[in-house]
Structure formats: C-alpha cells, structure tokens
Amino acid sequence: MRFDSQGALRSIAERQYVDTLIVPLAELAFGEDMVRKAESYEVIHAVTAETERQLSGRTMLSPTISYTDVEAGVKLAQDVVAKANSSGFSHVLFIASDVRFKAFDLPVLFVPPLALGSMSSDQAHTMVQNFATQVITELSSRWMAT
C-alpha cells in the first residue's frame, strides 16, 4: 500500500496484515552533486515502488524522507522508527544509497546510485527488479525471524 488516503484506510482496516513500513531515504544536494543525488533518488524510488507493488498486502510505502546532512537524516529516521513501532508496525526498513547510514543503528538496505536514465529500459527494469528482489529477501528474513 502507498501512503495515500486509500492506502491509509486499507492499512488501518488490515493492521494485522500490514506490519511493515518501507521508507525511501534520499539526500538532497544542490550544485554539482545534484545530478548524482537525483540519480540515487530515482533508483531508490523505482526499487521501493516495485517492492510495494509486489508486497502491497503486507507493506506500506512511506513518502520519501529527504535530508541535507546525514545527522539530520538519522534523527528523522529514528523518529520514524519510534512512531511507526508505537503505531503497530512491527518492521521498518529504509532504502537508501548513502552508505554513511551504516555507522548508525538503523534498519537500512542500500541500493547503489545508478544512472537508470542512461540505461536501456530493459536494463533499467532488470536492475530495479534485482534490487527489489534483494529488498523482498531481506524483509522475508525479518518476517521469519519474528
């Protein structure tokens, strides 16, 4: 489910099944880094959308959390985890390209920042499918552990 009015209604009605929040986590940059960060966002967005499509009865896709420095992003992510857990989500998984998040105790799965726009549509689709499969595998492991 997506974070829209229909998805929210379904999530509330089906709370016992919708126990996982997927959160895209993307860095905003301006100037020379803007293109690279935008490419990272495109991969993150495509992977999270595909994951939600495949797991829509079990997951809620959050709006993207955008940050301009990693410490601010960590604080936002920690707040999301706390509020999601207190609201009934058993699992929260962030999808990011910024490996600096490895230094923090957060449930983050990393996808590499690729220029999907410079690939053929078949190549881009295959890459997104491969990364979505990795996310689904990670979530399945977390679900089995609980």
C-alpha atoms as a PDB file:
ATOM      1  CA  MET A   1       0.000   0.000   0.000  1.00  0.00           C
ATOM      2  CA  ARG A   2       1.062   3.513  -0.641  1.00  0.00           C
ATOM      3  CA  PHE A   3       0.808   6.407   1.761  1.00  0.00           C
ATOM      4  CA  ASP A   4      -2.332   7.920   0.286  1.00  0.00           C
ATOM      5  CA  SER A   5      -5.895   8.101   1.603  1.00  0.00           C
ATOM      6  CA  GLN A   6      -6.938   4.733   0.163  1.00  0.00           C
ATOM      7  CA  GLY A   7      -3.762   3.013   1.323  1.00  0.00           C
ATOM      8  CA  ALA A   8      -4.102   4.518   4.798  1.00  0.00           C
ATOM      9  CA  LEU A   9      -7.699   3.303   5.103  1.00  0.00           C
ATOM     10  CA  ARG A  10      -6.713  -0.193   3.989  1.00  0.00           C
ATOM     11  CA  SER A  11      -3.733  -0.199   6.317  1.00  0.00           C
ATOM     12  CA  ILE A  12      -5.885   0.664   9.311  1.00  0.00           C
ATOM     13  CA  ALA A  13      -8.565  -1.856   8.379  1.00  0.00           C
ATOM     14  CA  GLU A  14      -5.973  -4.577   7.770  1.00  0.00           C
ATOM     15  CA  ARG A  15      -3.497  -3.642  10.523  1.00  0.00           C
ATOM     16  CA  GLN A  16      -2.931  -7.287  11.469  1.00  0.00           C
ATOM     17  CA  TYR A  17      -1.521  -7.951   7.986  1.00  0.00           C
ATOM     18  CA  VAL A  18       0.151  -4.628   7.151  1.00  0.00           C
ATOM     19  CA  ASP A  19       3.035  -4.754   9.601  1.00  0.00           C
ATOM     20  CA  THR A  20       5.937  -3.370   7.567  1.00  0.00           C
ATOM     21  CA  LEU A  21       6.788   0.218   6.655  1.00  0.00           C
ATOM     22  CA  ILE A  22       9.186   0.799   3.757  1.00  0.00           C
ATOM     23  CA  VAL A  23      10.793   4.236   3.808  1.00  0.00           C
ATOM     24  CA  PRO A  24      12.809   5.725   0.942  1.00  0.00           C
ATOM     25  CA  LEU A  25      15.668   7.815   2.354  1.00  0.00           C
ATOM     26  CA  ALA A  26      17.256  10.280  -0.085  1.00  0.00           C
ATOM     27  CA  GLU A  27      19.816  13.022   0.245  1.00  0.00           C
ATOM     28  CA  LEU A  28      19.090  16.411  -1.265  1.00  0.00           C
ATOM     29  CA  ALA A  29      22.033  18.214  -2.795  1.00  0.00           C
ATOM     30  CA  PHE A  30      22.442  21.373  -4.780  1.00  0.00           C
ATOM     31  CA  GLY A  31      25.123  22.430  -7.183  1.00  0.00           C
ATOM     32  CA  GLU A  32      27.494  19.864  -8.623  1.00  0.00           C
ATOM     33  CA  ASP A  33      26.169  16.939  -6.549  1.00  0.00           C
ATOM     34  CA  MET A  34      22.553  17.476  -7.583  1.00  0.00           C
ATOM     35  CA  VAL A  35      22.623  15.149 -10.598  1.00  0.00           C
ATOM     36  CA  ARG A  36      24.284  12.306  -8.683  1.00  0.00           C
ATOM     37  CA  LYS A  37      21.820  12.630  -5.795  1.00  0.00           C
ATOM     38  CA  ALA A  38      18.894  12.796  -8.221  1.00  0.00           C
ATOM     39  CA  GLU A  39      20.109   9.569  -9.851  1.00  0.00           C
ATOM     40  CA  SER A  40      20.277   7.952  -6.411  1.00  0.00           C
ATOM     41  CA  TYR A  41      16.734   9.097  -5.705  1.00  0.00           C
ATOM     42  CA  GLU A  42      15.492   7.645  -8.997  1.00  0.00           C
ATOM     43  CA  VAL A  43      16.881   4.205  -8.121  1.00  0.00           C
ATOM     44  CA  ILE A  44      15.517   4.368  -4.573  1.00  0.00           C
ATOM     45  CA  HIS A  45      12.099   5.445  -5.835  1.00  0.00           C
ATOM     46  CA  ALA A  46      11.937   2.754  -8.515  1.00  0.00           C
ATOM     47  CA  VAL A  47      13.028  -0.007  -6.132  1.00  0.00           C
ATOM     48  CA  THR A  48      10.640   0.979  -3.348  1.00  0.00           C
ATOM     49  CA  ALA A  49       7.729   1.338  -5.768  1.00  0.00           C
ATOM     50  CA  GLU A  50       8.399  -2.111  -7.226  1.00  0.00           C
ATOM     51  CA  THR A  51       8.768  -3.635  -3.766  1.00  0.00           C
ATOM     52  CA  GLU A  52       5.468  -2.085  -2.663  1.00  0.00           C
ATOM     53  CA  ARG A  53       3.790  -3.354  -5.825  1.00  0.00           C
ATOM     54  CA  GLN A  54       4.894  -6.909  -5.094  1.00  0.00           C
ATOM     55  CA  LEU A  55       4.154  -6.799  -1.356  1.00  0.00           C
ATOM     56  CA  SER A  56       1.197  -4.432  -1.191  1.00  0.00           C
ATOM     57  CA  GLY A  57      -0.874  -6.593   1.162  1.00  0.00           C
ATOM     58  CA  ARG A  58       1.858  -6.629   3.795  1.00  0.00           C
ATOM     59  CA  THR A  59       3.684  -3.322   3.422  1.00  0.00           C
ATOM     60  CA  MET A  60       3.048   0.410   3.477  1.00  0.00           C
ATOM     61  CA  LEU A  61       5.292   2.614   1.337  1.00  0.00           C
ATOM     62  CA  SER A  62       6.098   5.862   3.123  1.00  0.00           C
ATOM     63  CA  PRO A  63       6.764   9.150   1.389  1.00  0.00           C
ATOM     64  CA  THR A  64      10.462   9.764   0.856  1.00  0.00           C
ATOM     65  CA  ILE A  65      12.416  11.247   3.726  1.00  0.00           C
ATOM     66  CA  SER A  66      14.758  13.862   2.322  1.00  0.00           C
ATOM     67  CA  TYR A  67      17.715  15.228   4.240  1.00  0.00           C
ATOM     68  CA  THR A  68      20.599  17.598   3.584  1.00  0.00           C
ATOM     69  CA  ASP A  69      23.060  16.190   6.111  1.00  0.00           C
ATOM     70  CA  VAL A  70      23.374  12.671   7.442  1.00  0.00           C
ATOM     71  CA  GLU A  71      22.890  13.569  11.124  1.00  0.00           C
ATOM     72  CA  ALA A  72      19.557  15.219  10.334  1.00  0.00           C
ATOM     73  CA  GLY A  73      18.589  12.177   8.252  1.00  0.00           C
ATOM     74  CA  VAL A  74      19.455   9.843  11.126  1.00  0.00           C
ATOM     75  CA  LYS A  75      17.324  11.877  13.544  1.00  0.00           C
ATOM     76  CA  LEU A  76      14.369  11.807  11.140  1.00  0.00           C
ATOM     77  CA  ALA A  77      14.811   8.070  10.587  1.00  0.00           C
ATOM     78  CA  GLN A  78      14.961   7.364  14.329  1.00  0.00           C
ATOM     79  CA  ASP A  79      11.757   9.367  14.838  1.00  0.00           C
ATOM     80  CA  VAL A  80      10.023   7.433  12.070  1.00  0.00           C
ATOM     81  CA  VAL A  81      11.049   4.084  13.576  1.00  0.00           C
ATOM     82  CA  ALA A  82       9.786   5.092  17.024  1.00  0.00           C
ATOM     83  CA  LYS A  83       6.452   6.407  15.756  1.00  0.00           C
ATOM     84  CA  ALA A  84       5.908   3.530  13.325  1.00  0.00           C
ATOM     85  CA  ASN A  85       6.623   0.956  16.024  1.00  0.00           C
ATOM     86  CA  SER A  86       4.314   2.662  18.507  1.00  0.00           C
ATOM     87  CA  SER A  87       1.600   2.728  15.815  1.00  0.00           C
ATOM     88  CA  GLY A  88       1.695  -1.006  15.254  1.00  0.00           C
ATOM     89  CA  PHE A  89       4.293  -1.516  12.546  1.00  0.00           C
ATOM     90  CA  SER A  90       6.492  -4.431  13.560  1.00  0.00           C
ATOM     91  CA  HIS A  91       9.087  -3.769  10.875  1.00  0.00           C
ATOM     92  CA  VAL A  92      10.572  -0.621   9.365  1.00  0.00           C
ATOM     93  CA  LEU A  93      13.053  -0.776   6.508  1.00  0.00           C
ATOM     94  CA  PHE A  94      14.775   2.236   4.990  1.00  0.00           C
ATOM     95  CA  ILE A  95      16.046   2.075   1.412  1.00  0.00           C
ATOM     96  CA  ALA A  96      18.999   4.383   0.781  1.00  0.00           C
ATOM     97  CA  SER A  97      22.099   4.884  -1.335  1.00  0.00           C
ATOM     98  CA  ASP A  98      24.049   6.780   1.302  1.00  0.00           C
ATOM     99  CA  VAL A  99      26.438   4.316   2.943  1.00  0.00           C
ATOM    100  CA  ARG A 100      27.138   6.770   5.766  1.00  0.00           C
ATOM    101  CA  PHE A 101      23.998   5.343   7.410  1.00  0.00           C
ATOM    102  CA  LYS A 102      25.946   2.123   8.068  1.00  0.00           C
ATOM    103  CA  ALA A 103      27.548   3.894  11.034  1.00  0.00           C
ATOM    104  CA  PHE A 104      24.169   4.125  12.771  1.00  0.00           C
ATOM    105  CA  ASP A 105      21.893   1.505  14.248  1.00  0.00           C
ATOM    106  CA  LEU A 106      19.110   1.768  11.691  1.00  0.00           C
ATOM    107  CA  PRO A 107      17.361  -0.847   9.551  1.00  0.00           C
ATOM    108  CA  VAL A 108      18.737   0.283   6.191  1.00  0.00           C
ATOM    109  CA  LEU A 109      19.146  -1.636   2.954  1.00  0.00           C
ATOM    110  CA  PHE A 110      21.451   0.013   0.468  1.00  0.00           C
ATOM    111  CA  VAL A 111      20.980   0.264  -3.287  1.00  0.00           C
ATOM    112  CA  PRO A 112      23.774   1.698  -5.419  1.00  0.00           C
ATOM    113  CA  PRO A 113      23.292   5.078  -7.060  1.00  0.00           C
ATOM    114  CA  LEU A 114      22.907   4.176 -10.714  1.00  0.00           C
ATOM    115  CA  ALA A 115      22.059   6.353 -13.679  1.00  0.00           C
ATOM    116  CA  LEU A 116      18.911   4.498 -14.745  1.00  0.00           C
ATOM    117  CA  GLY A 117      18.223   7.168 -17.345  1.00  0.00           C
ATOM    118  CA  SER A 118      21.358   6.267 -19.264  1.00  0.00           C
ATOM    119  CA  MET A 119      20.399   2.576 -19.477  1.00  0.00           C
ATOM    120  CA  SER A 120      18.056   0.946 -21.922  1.00  0.00           C
ATOM    121  CA  SER A 121      14.593   0.402 -20.482  1.00  0.00           C
ATOM    122  CA  ASP A 122      15.245  -3.353 -20.350  1.00  0.00           C
ATOM    123  CA  GLN A 123      18.494  -2.872 -18.442  1.00  0.00           C
ATOM    124  CA  ALA A 124      16.900  -0.416 -16.009  1.00  0.00           C
ATOM    125  CA  HIS A 125      13.934  -2.743 -15.460  1.00  0.00           C
ATOM    126  CA  THR A 126      16.260  -5.680 -14.774  1.00  0.00           C
ATOM    127  CA  MET A 127      18.321  -3.657 -12.292  1.00  0.00           C
ATOM    128  CA  VAL A 128      15.220  -2.452 -10.444  1.00  0.00           C
ATOM    129  CA  GLN A 129      13.827  -5.995 -10.336  1.00  0.00           C
ATOM    130  CA  ASN A 130      17.129  -7.317  -8.945  1.00  0.00           C
ATOM    131  CA  PHE A 131      17.222  -4.701  -6.191  1.00  0.00           C
ATOM    132  CA  ALA A 132      13.538  -5.203  -5.360  1.00  0.00           C
ATOM    133  CA  THR A 133      14.253  -8.916  -5.014  1.00  0.00           C
ATOM    134  CA  GLN A 134      17.017  -8.097  -2.531  1.00  0.00           C
ATOM    135  CA  VAL A 135      14.607  -5.945  -0.511  1.00  0.00           C
ATOM    136  CA  ILE A 136      11.967  -8.679  -0.548  1.00  0.00           C
ATOM    137  CA  THR A 137      14.543 -11.255   0.535  1.00  0.00           C
ATOM    138  CA  GLU A 138      15.635  -9.011   3.417  1.00  0.00           C
ATOM    139  CA  LEU A 139      12.050  -8.421   4.508  1.00  0.00           C
ATOM    140  CA  SER A 140      11.269 -12.141   4.292  1.00  0.00           C
ATOM    141  CA  SER A 141      14.226 -12.856   6.583  1.00  0.00           C
ATOM    142  CA  ARG A 142      12.977 -10.283   9.067  1.00  0.00           C
ATOM    143  CA  TRP A 143       9.439 -11.678   8.943  1.00  0.00           C
ATOM    144  CA  MET A 144      10.694 -15.232   9.502  1.00  0.00           C
ATOM    145  CA  ALA A 145      12.764 -14.109  12.495  1.00  0.00           C
ATOM    146  CA  THR A 146       9.698 -12.796  14.343  1.00  0.00           C
END
